[in-house]
Amino acid sequence: MENQVLREAIIRTLAFHASWSYAPTYIQLLLSLDYGVNESQDTRVSKLNLEDVLKVLVQEDLVVKQQGRFALNRFSYLMEQGKEKEIYNSRKMRKAKRVVWYLKKIPWIKSVCLCNTTALGQSKETSDLDFFIITKPGYIWITRFFAALPFVIFKMRPEDPGIKDPVCLSFFVTQNGLDLSKLMLEDDPYFRYWFLFLLPLYDDGVLAELWFANVNILKRHANAIPWISLDKTAGDKSNSQESKSSNEEISFLEKKFKIIQQNRLPSQINKQANQSTDVVISDNVLKFHTTDARRPIRDSYYKICNEFNVQP
């Protein structure tokens, strides 16, 4: 019975990875295993059990293993594609670290994570550098302004033509908005895996709060473990003894920067704002995903699960 649950979990997990065109490593597969809606949070497997069931699936030609990566048999081509994409990873990571070198100097930023394909080391040459940023409460608009400023000036954003590794700063939350489950679709496999594979490049300690604020996202992934930041600063870098007058000044500036930026938002963002979880504008969340891939990826995932006779 245990092996059957594990067998389905492997196929289900590889089905999702196929839907977003990725072949995971052994460790990534282990940590992201999706046990399904009917399994408890206590469900876990040892590495030995996983290896045994994987061997059987490989022998049955349901799963392919190549150079330490795994894929469902029909998606073995993802391994070669991934190998080709890896050549861009070093360049993109160097650029991402330079971006974070600047961002972490902004006093209201508490964490910066790289996300999507670049976080997996499998981005295309033309892929953006997508960042997820956590700010102090009450500072989200002023933070966004100064975070984006140099990339606007030097034309390094996705909308700027001909730029390599454009910087995409389209997802901010405050420390009061760490429960990301509110931003999910009714069934949102993409968001779950996006969350699991965040790559922290700077953290003042708030990521531990983010992890525990999102236990609902983690329910199906019993093997998941918290992230480890590549640059961790103990405690809050901001001055906890800020005067009342200083706070009032910042609050005044926050309102001004909010008005300035809202007046400059593209019409498509204003049109979609708060109509769904794609584009969300509030004092705790700024999420500007006007072209959201979650639904087509979910549809592809359902189709693959159905093909391999497992419940999504």
C-alpha atoms as a PDB file:
ATOM      1  CA  MET A   1       0.000   0.000   0.000  1.00  0.00           C
ATOM      2  CA  GLU A   2       2.829   2.385   0.948  1.00  0.00           C
ATOM      3  CA  ASN A   3       4.632   1.663  -2.308  1.00  0.00           C
ATOM      4  CA  GLN A   4       1.456   2.337  -4.293  1.00  0.00           C
ATOM      5  CA  VAL A   5       1.052   5.747  -2.616  1.00  0.00           C
ATOM      6  CA  LEU A   6       4.685   6.515  -3.328  1.00  0.00           C
ATOM      7  CA  ARG A   7       4.405   5.285  -6.904  1.00  0.00           C
ATOM      8  CA  GLU A   8       1.474   7.634  -7.543  1.00  0.00           C
ATOM      9  CA  ALA A   9       3.258  10.488  -5.778  1.00  0.00           C
ATOM     10  CA  ILE A  10       6.281  10.109  -8.070  1.00  0.00           C
ATOM     11  CA  ILE A  11       4.167  10.023 -11.225  1.00  0.00           C
ATOM     12  CA  ARG A  12       2.027  12.945 -10.026  1.00  0.00           C
ATOM     13  CA  THR A  13       5.101  15.039  -9.209  1.00  0.00           C
ATOM     14  CA  LEU A  14       6.834  14.267 -12.492  1.00  0.00           C
ATOM     15  CA  ALA A  15       3.574  15.080 -14.301  1.00  0.00           C
ATOM     16  CA  PHE A  16       3.647  18.576 -12.875  1.00  0.00           C
ATOM     17  CA  HIS A  17       7.323  19.056 -13.679  1.00  0.00           C
ATOM     18  CA  ALA A  18       6.582  17.972 -17.252  1.00  0.00           C
ATOM     19  CA  SER A  19       3.799  20.559 -17.445  1.00  0.00           C
ATOM     20  CA  TRP A  20       6.274  23.370 -16.739  1.00  0.00           C
ATOM     21  CA  SER A  21       8.958  21.732 -18.911  1.00  0.00           C
ATOM     22  CA  TYR A  22      11.400  20.626 -16.230  1.00  0.00           C
ATOM     23  CA  ALA A  23      13.170  17.382 -15.337  1.00  0.00           C
ATOM     24  CA  PRO A  24      13.999  17.454 -11.593  1.00  0.00           C
ATOM     25  CA  THR A  25      17.054  16.067  -9.880  1.00  0.00           C
ATOM     26  CA  TYR A  26      16.692  13.247  -7.365  1.00  0.00           C
ATOM     27  CA  ILE A  27      16.749  15.650  -4.386  1.00  0.00           C
ATOM     28  CA  GLN A  28      14.254  18.001  -6.027  1.00  0.00           C
ATOM     29  CA  LEU A  29      11.941  15.081  -6.705  1.00  0.00           C
ATOM     30  CA  LEU A  30      12.223  13.867  -3.108  1.00  0.00           C
ATOM     31  CA  LEU A  31      11.567  17.276  -1.550  1.00  0.00           C
ATOM     32  CA  SER A  32       8.688  18.192  -3.865  1.00  0.00           C
ATOM     33  CA  LEU A  33       6.840  14.850  -3.815  1.00  0.00           C
ATOM     34  CA  ASP A  34       3.108  15.482  -4.023  1.00  0.00           C
ATOM     35  CA  TYR A  35       1.222  12.834  -2.045  1.00  0.00           C
ATOM     36  CA  GLY A  36      -2.191  14.024  -3.229  1.00  0.00           C
ATOM     37  CA  VAL A  37      -5.246  15.386  -1.484  1.00  0.00           C
ATOM     38  CA  ASN A  38      -6.067  12.221   0.453  1.00  0.00           C
ATOM     39  CA  GLU A  39      -2.752  11.741   2.208  1.00  0.00           C
ATOM     40  CA  SER A  40      -1.945  13.209   5.619  1.00  0.00           C
ATOM     41  CA  GLN A  41       0.877  15.622   6.414  1.00  0.00           C
ATOM     42  CA  ASP A  42       2.554  12.742   8.288  1.00  0.00           C
ATOM     43  CA  THR A  43       3.155  10.853   5.044  1.00  0.00           C
ATOM     44  CA  ARG A  44       6.883  10.691   4.418  1.00  0.00           C
ATOM     45  CA  VAL A  45       9.252   8.359   2.654  1.00  0.00           C
ATOM     46  CA  SER A  46      12.858   7.464   3.193  1.00  0.00           C
ATOM     47  CA  LYS A  47      15.422   7.868   0.432  1.00  0.00           C
ATOM     48  CA  LEU A  48      15.719   4.087   0.279  1.00  0.00           C
ATOM     49  CA  ASN A  49      12.007   3.630  -0.347  1.00  0.00           C
ATOM     50  CA  LEU A  50      12.053   6.291  -3.038  1.00  0.00           C
ATOM     51  CA  GLU A  51      15.039   4.684  -4.738  1.00  0.00           C
ATOM     52  CA  ASP A  52      13.344   1.271  -4.719  1.00  0.00           C
ATOM     53  CA  VAL A  53      10.128   2.540  -6.276  1.00  0.00           C
ATOM     54  CA  LEU A  54      11.997   4.673  -8.805  1.00  0.00           C
ATOM     55  CA  LYS A  55      13.973   1.622  -9.916  1.00  0.00           C
ATOM     56  CA  VAL A  56      10.734  -0.258 -10.545  1.00  0.00           C
ATOM     57  CA  LEU A  57       9.252   2.651 -12.518  1.00  0.00           C
ATOM     58  CA  VAL A  58      12.420   2.868 -14.614  1.00  0.00           C
ATOM     59  CA  GLN A  59      12.320  -0.883 -15.254  1.00  0.00           C
ATOM     60  CA  GLU A  60       8.685  -0.560 -16.335  1.00  0.00           C
ATOM     61  CA  ASP A  61       9.748   2.232 -18.710  1.00  0.00           C
ATOM     62  CA  LEU A  62       7.312   4.679 -17.104  1.00  0.00           C
ATOM     63  CA  VAL A  63      10.146   6.874 -15.841  1.00  0.00           C
ATOM     64  CA  VAL A  64      13.446   7.765 -17.498  1.00  0.00           C
ATOM     65  CA  LYS A  65      16.635   8.586 -15.599  1.00  0.00           C
ATOM     66  CA  GLN A  66      19.492  10.441 -17.233  1.00  0.00           C
ATOM     67  CA  GLN A  67      22.448  12.284 -15.707  1.00  0.00           C
ATOM     68  CA  GLY A  68      20.810  12.443 -12.292  1.00  0.00           C
ATOM     69  CA  ARG A  69      17.475  13.773 -13.551  1.00  0.00           C
ATOM     70  CA  PHE A  70      14.081  12.120 -13.888  1.00  0.00           C
ATOM     71  CA  ALA A  71      11.121  12.469 -16.239  1.00  0.00           C
ATOM     72  CA  LEU A  72       8.082  10.511 -17.331  1.00  0.00           C
ATOM     73  CA  ASN A  73       8.972   8.418 -20.380  1.00  0.00           C
ATOM     74  CA  ARG A  74       7.157  10.609 -22.892  1.00  0.00           C
ATOM     75  CA  PHE A  75       9.054  13.668 -21.659  1.00  0.00           C
ATOM     76  CA  SER A  76      12.626  12.377 -21.757  1.00  0.00           C
ATOM     77  CA  TYR A  77      13.474  15.200 -24.188  1.00  0.00           C
ATOM     78  CA  LEU A  78      13.225  17.627 -21.262  1.00  0.00           C
ATOM     79  CA  MET A  79      16.572  16.370 -19.992  1.00  0.00           C
ATOM     80  CA  GLU A  80      18.395  17.388 -23.164  1.00  0.00           C
ATOM     81  CA  GLN A  81      16.527  20.691 -23.244  1.00  0.00           C
ATOM     82  CA  GLY A  82      17.498  21.294 -19.640  1.00  0.00           C
ATOM     83  CA  LYS A  83      21.146  20.599 -20.380  1.00  0.00           C
ATOM     84  CA  GLU A  84      21.055  23.221 -23.142  1.00  0.00           C
ATOM     85  CA  LYS A  85      19.428  25.771 -20.838  1.00  0.00           C
ATOM     86  CA  GLU A  86      22.002  25.250 -18.074  1.00  0.00           C
ATOM     87  CA  ILE A  87      24.656  27.109 -20.081  1.00  0.00           C
ATOM     88  CA  TYR A  88      22.873  30.390 -19.332  1.00  0.00           C
ATOM     89  CA  ASN A  89      22.585  29.778 -15.592  1.00  0.00           C
ATOM     90  CA  SER A  90      25.982  31.130 -14.492  1.00  0.00           C
ATOM     91  CA  ARG A  91      25.479  34.399 -16.334  1.00  0.00           C
ATOM     92  CA  LYS A  92      21.961  34.863 -15.027  1.00  0.00           C
ATOM     93  CA  MET A  93      22.955  34.094 -11.441  1.00  0.00           C
ATOM     94  CA  ARG A  94      25.795  36.628 -11.596  1.00  0.00           C
ATOM     95  CA  LYS A  95      23.337  39.227 -12.831  1.00  0.00           C
ATOM     96  CA  ALA A  96      20.752  38.259 -10.189  1.00  0.00           C
ATOM     97  CA  LYS A  97      23.311  38.632  -7.406  1.00  0.00           C
ATOM     98  CA  ARG A  98      24.262  42.096  -8.677  1.00  0.00           C
ATOM     99  CA  VAL A  99      20.576  43.058  -8.636  1.00  0.00           C
ATOM    100  CA  VAL A 100      20.242  41.801  -5.063  1.00  0.00           C
ATOM    101  CA  TRP A 101      23.417  43.661  -4.040  1.00  0.00           C
ATOM    102  CA  TYR A 102      21.482  46.823  -4.811  1.00  0.00           C
ATOM    103  CA  LEU A 103      18.074  45.718  -3.507  1.00  0.00           C
ATOM    104  CA  LYS A 104      19.300  44.683  -0.074  1.00  0.00           C
ATOM    105  CA  LYS A 105      20.590  48.216   0.520  1.00  0.00           C
ATOM    106  CA  ILE A 106      17.002  49.484   0.498  1.00  0.00           C
ATOM    107  CA  PRO A 107      16.256  49.618   4.249  1.00  0.00           C
ATOM    108  CA  TRP A 108      12.664  48.356   4.017  1.00  0.00           C
ATOM    109  CA  ILE A 109      13.468  45.151   2.107  1.00  0.00           C
ATOM    110  CA  LYS A 110      13.475  42.053   4.310  1.00  0.00           C
ATOM    111  CA  SER A 111      13.935  39.303   1.722  1.00  0.00           C
ATOM    112  CA  VAL A 112      14.624  38.853  -1.990  1.00  0.00           C
ATOM    113  CA  CYS A 113      14.002  35.522  -3.728  1.00  0.00           C
ATOM    114  CA  LEU A 114      14.648  34.507  -7.303  1.00  0.00           C
ATOM    115  CA  CYS A 115      11.760  32.511  -8.727  1.00  0.00           C
ATOM    116  CA  ASN A 116      10.469  30.570 -11.738  1.00  0.00           C
ATOM    117  CA  THR A 117      12.845  28.938 -14.255  1.00  0.00           C
ATOM    118  CA  THR A 118      15.956  30.908 -13.295  1.00  0.00           C
ATOM    119  CA  ALA A 119      15.638  29.699  -9.703  1.00  0.00           C
ATOM    120  CA  LEU A 120      15.712  26.150 -11.110  1.00  0.00           C
ATOM    121  CA  GLY A 121      18.769  26.923 -13.243  1.00  0.00           C
ATOM    122  CA  GLN A 122      16.791  26.051 -16.380  1.00  0.00           C
ATOM    123  CA  SER A 123      15.896  29.378 -17.953  1.00  0.00           C
ATOM    124  CA  LYS A 124      16.027  30.249 -21.631  1.00  0.00           C
ATOM    125  CA  GLU A 125      18.531  32.813 -22.832  1.00  0.00           C
ATOM    126  CA  THR A 126      15.684  35.319 -23.197  1.00  0.00           C
ATOM    127  CA  SER A 127      14.081  34.609 -19.787  1.00  0.00           C
ATOM    128  CA  ASP A 128      13.534  37.379 -17.252  1.00  0.00           C
ATOM    129  CA  LEU A 129      15.095  37.484 -13.819  1.00  0.00           C
ATOM    130  CA  ASP A 130      11.899  37.209 -11.745  1.00  0.00           C
ATOM    131  CA  PHE A 131      12.065  38.352  -8.136  1.00  0.00           C
ATOM    132  CA  PHE A 132       9.746  37.952  -5.148  1.00  0.00           C
ATOM    133  CA  ILE A 133      10.325  40.638  -2.508  1.00  0.00           C
ATOM    134  CA  ILE A 134       9.170  40.946   1.111  1.00  0.00           C
ATOM    135  CA  THR A 135       9.063  44.419   2.660  1.00  0.00           C
ATOM    136  CA  LYS A 136       8.380  45.973   6.027  1.00  0.00           C
ATOM    137  CA  PRO A 137       4.687  46.712   6.622  1.00  0.00           C
ATOM    138  CA  GLY A 138       3.724  50.179   5.494  1.00  0.00           C
ATOM    139  CA  TYR A 139       6.613  50.536   3.045  1.00  0.00           C
ATOM    140  CA  ILE A 140       5.560  48.523   0.004  1.00  0.00           C
ATOM    141  CA  TRP A 141       5.046  51.408  -2.446  1.00  0.00           C
ATOM    142  CA  ILE A 142       8.147  53.368  -1.516  1.00  0.00           C
ATOM    143  CA  THR A 143      10.148  50.140  -1.647  1.00  0.00           C
ATOM    144  CA  ARG A 144       8.841  49.308  -5.111  1.00  0.00           C
ATOM    145  CA  PHE A 145       9.760  52.792  -6.340  1.00  0.00           C
ATOM    146  CA  PHE A 146      13.389  52.622  -5.232  1.00  0.00           C
ATOM    147  CA  ALA A 147      13.707  48.950  -6.165  1.00  0.00           C
ATOM    148  CA  ALA A 148      12.664  49.627  -9.752  1.00  0.00           C
ATOM    149  CA  LEU A 149      14.318  53.031 -10.185  1.00  0.00           C
ATOM    150  CA  PRO A 150      17.779  52.012 -11.547  1.00  0.00           C
ATOM    151  CA  PHE A 151      16.285  49.390 -13.844  1.00  0.00           C
ATOM    152  CA  VAL A 152      13.881  51.970 -15.268  1.00  0.00           C
ATOM    153  CA  ILE A 153      16.683  54.506 -15.763  1.00  0.00           C
ATOM    154  CA  PHE A 154      19.030  52.021 -17.440  1.00  0.00           C
ATOM    155  CA  LYS A 155      16.214  50.322 -19.388  1.00  0.00           C
ATOM    156  CA  MET A 156      16.706  46.857 -17.920  1.00  0.00           C
ATOM    157  CA  ARG A 157      13.072  45.781 -17.536  1.00  0.00           C
ATOM    158  CA  PRO A 158      11.152  43.138 -19.561  1.00  0.00           C
ATOM    159  CA  GLU A 159       9.369  45.797 -21.639  1.00  0.00           C
ATOM    160  CA  ASP A 160      12.696  47.309 -22.749  1.00  0.00           C
ATOM    161  CA  PRO A 161      13.653  45.911 -26.182  1.00  0.00           C
ATOM    162  CA  GLY A 162      16.851  43.986 -26.784  1.00  0.00           C
ATOM    163  CA  ILE A 163      17.867  43.686 -23.130  1.00  0.00           C
ATOM    164  CA  LYS A 164      19.532  40.485 -21.901  1.00  0.00           C
ATOM    165  CA  ASP A 165      18.348  39.119 -18.568  1.00  0.00           C
ATOM    166  CA  PRO A 166      15.695  41.797 -17.930  1.00  0.00           C
ATOM    167  CA  VAL A 167      14.825  42.450 -14.291  1.00  0.00           C
ATOM    168  CA  CYS A 168      11.190  41.716 -13.412  1.00  0.00           C
ATOM    169  CA  LEU A 169      10.009  43.171 -10.096  1.00  0.00           C
ATOM    170  CA  SER A 170       6.347  42.264 -10.256  1.00  0.00           C
ATOM    171  CA  PHE A 171       5.632  40.596  -6.900  1.00  0.00           C
ATOM    172  CA  PHE A 172       5.944  42.347  -3.541  1.00  0.00           C
ATOM    173  CA  VAL A 173       4.359  41.478  -0.201  1.00  0.00           C
ATOM    174  CA  THR A 174       4.764  43.019   3.229  1.00  0.00           C
ATOM    175  CA  GLN A 175       5.479  41.133   6.428  1.00  0.00           C
ATOM    176  CA  ASN A 176       1.756  41.480   7.159  1.00  0.00           C
ATOM    177  CA  GLY A 177       0.883  39.709   3.917  1.00  0.00           C
ATOM    178  CA  LEU A 178       2.882  36.494   4.259  1.00  0.00           C
ATOM    179  CA  ASP A 179      -0.112  34.152   3.902  1.00  0.00           C
ATOM    180  CA  LEU A 180       0.162  33.589   0.158  1.00  0.00           C
ATOM    181  CA  SER A 181      -2.629  31.006   0.050  1.00  0.00           C
ATOM    182  CA  LYS A 182      -5.024  33.925  -0.464  1.00  0.00           C
ATOM    183  CA  LEU A 183      -3.386  34.476  -3.854  1.00  0.00           C
ATOM    184  CA  MET A 184      -3.923  30.925  -5.081  1.00  0.00           C
ATOM    185  CA  LEU A 185      -6.483  29.604  -7.518  1.00  0.00           C
ATOM    186  CA  GLU A 186      -9.002  27.087  -6.201  1.00  0.00           C
ATOM    187  CA  ASP A 187      -6.599  24.370  -7.291  1.00  0.00           C
ATOM    188  CA  ASP A 188      -3.177  25.839  -7.970  1.00  0.00           C
ATOM    189  CA  PRO A 189      -0.364  23.304  -8.498  1.00  0.00           C
ATOM    190  CA  TYR A 190       1.852  25.917 -10.135  1.00  0.00           C
ATOM    191  CA  PHE A 191       1.741  28.148  -7.063  1.00  0.00           C
ATOM    192  CA  ARG A 192       2.650  25.230  -4.779  1.00  0.00           C
ATOM    193  CA  TYR A 193       5.749  24.336  -6.773  1.00  0.00           C
ATOM    194  CA  TRP A 194       6.623  28.002  -7.326  1.00  0.00           C
ATOM    195  CA  PHE A 195       6.636  28.394  -3.541  1.00  0.00           C
ATOM    196  CA  LEU A 196       8.704  25.273  -2.916  1.00  0.00           C
ATOM    197  CA  PHE A 197      11.368  26.276  -5.438  1.00  0.00           C
ATOM    198  CA  LEU A 198      11.904  29.889  -4.391  1.00  0.00           C
ATOM    199  CA  LEU A 199      15.637  30.631  -4.280  1.00  0.00           C
ATOM    200  CA  PRO A 200      16.436  33.073  -1.455  1.00  0.00           C
ATOM    201  CA  LEU A 201      19.269  35.459  -2.303  1.00  0.00           C
ATOM    202  CA  TYR A 202      18.756  37.709   0.718  1.00  0.00           C
ATOM    203  CA  ASP A 203      16.893  37.142   3.989  1.00  0.00           C
ATOM    204  CA  ASP A 204      16.862  38.960   7.318  1.00  0.00           C
ATOM    205  CA  GLY A 205      15.033  36.036   8.929  1.00  0.00           C
ATOM    206  CA  VAL A 206      11.527  36.698   7.627  1.00  0.00           C
ATOM    207  CA  LEU A 207      11.539  33.619   5.373  1.00  0.00           C
ATOM    208  CA  ALA A 208      11.026  31.400   8.416  1.00  0.00           C
ATOM    209  CA  GLU A 209       7.796  33.324   9.037  1.00  0.00           C
ATOM    210  CA  LEU A 210       6.831  32.967   5.363  1.00  0.00           C
ATOM    211  CA  TRP A 211       7.295  29.196   5.529  1.00  0.00           C
ATOM    212  CA  PHE A 212       5.127  28.717   8.611  1.00  0.00           C
ATOM    213  CA  ALA A 213       2.497  31.167   7.355  1.00  0.00           C
ATOM    214  CA  ASN A 214       1.896  28.855   4.395  1.00  0.00           C
ATOM    215  CA  VAL A 215       1.326  25.422   5.890  1.00  0.00           C
ATOM    216  CA  ASN A 216      -1.751  25.065   3.666  1.00  0.00           C
ATOM    217  CA  ILE A 217       0.481  25.216   0.594  1.00  0.00           C
ATOM    218  CA  LEU A 218       2.739  22.538   2.081  1.00  0.00           C
ATOM    219  CA  LYS A 219       0.051  20.004   3.043  1.00  0.00           C
ATOM    220  CA  ARG A 220       0.571  17.827  -0.037  1.00  0.00           C
ATOM    221  CA  HIS A 221       4.386  18.016   0.137  1.00  0.00           C
ATOM    222  CA  ALA A 222       5.316  16.242   3.356  1.00  0.00           C
ATOM    223  CA  ASN A 223       9.030  15.999   2.491  1.00  0.00           C
ATOM    224  CA  ALA A 224       9.455  19.721   1.868  1.00  0.00           C
ATOM    225  CA  ILE A 225      12.017  21.564   3.997  1.00  0.00           C
ATOM    226  CA  PRO A 226      12.499  25.328   4.515  1.00  0.00           C
ATOM    227  CA  TRP A 227      14.775  27.225   2.179  1.00  0.00           C
ATOM    228  CA  ILE A 228      18.341  28.222   3.015  1.00  0.00           C
ATOM    229  CA  SER A 229      19.296  31.735   1.950  1.00  0.00           C
ATOM    230  CA  LEU A 230      22.522  32.407   0.045  1.00  0.00           C
ATOM    231  CA  ASP A 231      22.842  35.672   1.992  1.00  0.00           C
ATOM    232  CA  LYS A 232      21.326  35.706   5.441  1.00  0.00           C
ATOM    233  CA  THR A 233      21.475  38.694   7.791  1.00  0.00           C
ATOM    234  CA  ALA A 234      20.515  38.065  11.394  1.00  0.00           C
ATOM    235  CA  GLY A 235      17.742  40.246  12.727  1.00  0.00           C
ATOM    236  CA  ASP A 236      16.081  43.314  11.276  1.00  0.00           C
ATOM    237  CA  LYS A 237      18.535  45.650   9.516  1.00  0.00           C
ATOM    238  CA  SER A 238      16.267  48.640  10.050  1.00  0.00           C
ATOM    239  CA  ASN A 239      16.481  50.885  13.088  1.00  0.00           C
ATOM    240  CA  SER A 240      13.933  49.670  15.633  1.00  0.00           C
ATOM    241  CA  GLN A 241      14.230  53.000  17.501  1.00  0.00           C
ATOM    242  CA  GLU A 242      12.770  55.095  14.672  1.00  0.00           C
ATOM    243  CA  SER A 243      11.183  58.233  16.048  1.00  0.00           C
ATOM    244  CA  LYS A 244       7.482  58.936  15.808  1.00  0.00           C
ATOM    245  CA  SER A 245       8.175  61.918  13.552  1.00  0.00           C
ATOM    246  CA  SER A 246      10.347  59.752  11.260  1.00  0.00           C
ATOM    247  CA  ASN A 247       7.567  57.170  10.971  1.00  0.00           C
ATOM    248  CA  GLU A 248       5.050  59.896  10.192  1.00  0.00           C
ATOM    249  CA  GLU A 249       7.330  61.265   7.460  1.00  0.00           C
ATOM    250  CA  ILE A 250       7.727  57.821   5.898  1.00  0.00           C
ATOM    251  CA  SER A 251       3.968  57.232   6.107  1.00  0.00           C
ATOM    252  CA  PHE A 252       3.407  60.533   4.299  1.00  0.00           C
ATOM    253  CA  LEU A 253       5.963  59.582   1.619  1.00  0.00           C
ATOM    254  CA  GLU A 254       4.427  56.114   1.260  1.00  0.00           C
ATOM    255  CA  LYS A 255       1.073  57.690   0.398  1.00  0.00           C
ATOM    256  CA  LYS A 256       2.719  60.041  -2.111  1.00  0.00           C
ATOM    257  CA  PHE A 257       4.683  57.246  -3.803  1.00  0.00           C
ATOM    258  CA  LYS A 258       1.524  55.139  -3.940  1.00  0.00           C
ATOM    259  CA  ILE A 259      -0.364  57.879  -5.777  1.00  0.00           C
ATOM    260  CA  ILE A 260       2.544  58.559  -8.156  1.00  0.00           C
ATOM    261  CA  GLN A 261       2.950  54.892  -9.085  1.00  0.00           C
ATOM    262  CA  GLN A 262      -0.752  54.118  -9.364  1.00  0.00           C
ATOM    263  CA  ASN A 263      -1.099  56.983 -11.822  1.00  0.00           C
ATOM    264  CA  ARG A 264       1.706  55.492 -13.936  1.00  0.00           C
ATOM    265  CA  LEU A 265       0.564  51.867 -13.952  1.00  0.00           C
ATOM    266  CA  PRO A 266      -0.079  50.409 -17.425  1.00  0.00           C
ATOM    267  CA  SER A 267      -3.722  50.347 -18.455  1.00  0.00           C
ATOM    268  CA  GLN A 268      -3.742  46.542 -18.590  1.00  0.00           C
ATOM    269  CA  ILE A 269      -2.712  46.329 -14.929  1.00  0.00           C
ATOM    270  CA  ASN A 270      -5.404  48.817 -13.920  1.00  0.00           C
ATOM    271  CA  LYS A 271      -7.963  46.896 -15.961  1.00  0.00           C
ATOM    272  CA  GLN A 272      -7.116  43.554 -14.294  1.00  0.00           C
ATOM    273  CA  ALA A 273      -6.472  44.893 -10.796  1.00  0.00           C
ATOM    274  CA  ASN A 274      -8.176  42.823  -8.078  1.00  0.00           C
ATOM    275  CA  GLN A 275     -10.402  41.051 -10.614  1.00  0.00           C
ATOM    276  CA  SER A 276      -8.603  37.774  -9.833  1.00  0.00           C
ATOM    277  CA  THR A 277      -5.404  36.650  -8.128  1.00  0.00           C
ATOM    278  CA  ASP A 278      -3.352  37.452 -11.254  1.00  0.00           C
ATOM    279  CA  VAL A 279      -3.098  41.172 -10.561  1.00  0.00           C
ATOM    280  CA  VAL A 280      -3.494  42.229  -6.925  1.00  0.00           C
ATOM    281  CA  ILE A 281      -3.016  45.771  -5.637  1.00  0.00           C
ATOM    282  CA  SER A 282      -3.286  46.456  -1.916  1.00  0.00           C
ATOM    283  CA  ASP A 283      -1.206  47.889   0.906  1.00  0.00           C
ATOM    284  CA  ASN A 284       0.185  44.402   1.628  1.00  0.00           C
ATOM    285  CA  VAL A 285       0.436  42.844  -1.840  1.00  0.00           C
ATOM    286  CA  LEU A 286       1.564  44.140  -5.230  1.00  0.00           C
ATOM    287  CA  LYS A 287       1.291  41.371  -7.809  1.00  0.00           C
ATOM    288  CA  PHE A 288       1.387  42.354 -11.461  1.00  0.00           C
ATOM    289  CA  HIS A 289       1.078  39.114 -13.436  1.00  0.00           C
ATOM    290  CA  THR A 290      -1.053  40.277 -16.344  1.00  0.00           C
ATOM    291  CA  THR A 291      -0.108  37.181 -18.332  1.00  0.00           C
ATOM    292  CA  ASP A 292      -0.496  34.402 -15.789  1.00  0.00           C
ATOM    293  CA  ALA A 293       0.553  30.911 -16.899  1.00  0.00           C
ATOM    294  CA  ARG A 294      -1.027  29.072 -13.978  1.00  0.00           C
ATOM    295  CA  ARG A 295      -4.219  27.969 -15.723  1.00  0.00           C
ATOM    296  CA  PRO A 296      -2.715  26.540 -18.930  1.00  0.00           C
ATOM    297  CA  ILE A 297      -0.022  24.779 -16.902  1.00  0.00           C
ATOM    298  CA  ARG A 298      -2.702  23.347 -14.610  1.00  0.00           C
ATOM    299  CA  ASP A 299      -4.661  22.101 -17.623  1.00  0.00           C
ATOM    300  CA  SER A 300      -1.539  20.451 -19.031  1.00  0.00           C
ATOM    301  CA  TYR A 301      -0.813  18.871 -15.643  1.00  0.00           C
ATOM    302  CA  TYR A 302      -4.357  17.444 -15.402  1.00  0.00           C
ATOM    303  CA  LYS A 303      -4.025  15.988 -18.891  1.00  0.00           C
ATOM    304  CA  ILE A 304      -0.710  14.284 -18.097  1.00  0.00           C
ATOM    305  CA  CYS A 305      -2.052  12.884 -14.809  1.00  0.00           C
ATOM    306  CA  ASN A 306      -5.041  11.467 -16.669  1.00  0.00           C
ATOM    307  CA  GLU A 307      -2.737   9.887 -19.257  1.00  0.00           C
ATOM    308  CA  PHE A 308      -0.786   8.104 -16.489  1.00  0.00           C
ATOM    309  CA  ASN A 309      -3.893   7.189 -14.467  1.00  0.00           C
ATOM    310  CA  VAL A 310      -3.160   9.182 -11.323  1.00  0.00           C
ATOM    311  CA  GLN A 311      -5.364  11.702  -9.562  1.00  0.00           C
ATOM    312  CA  PRO A 312      -3.989  15.273  -9.865  1.00  0.00           C
END
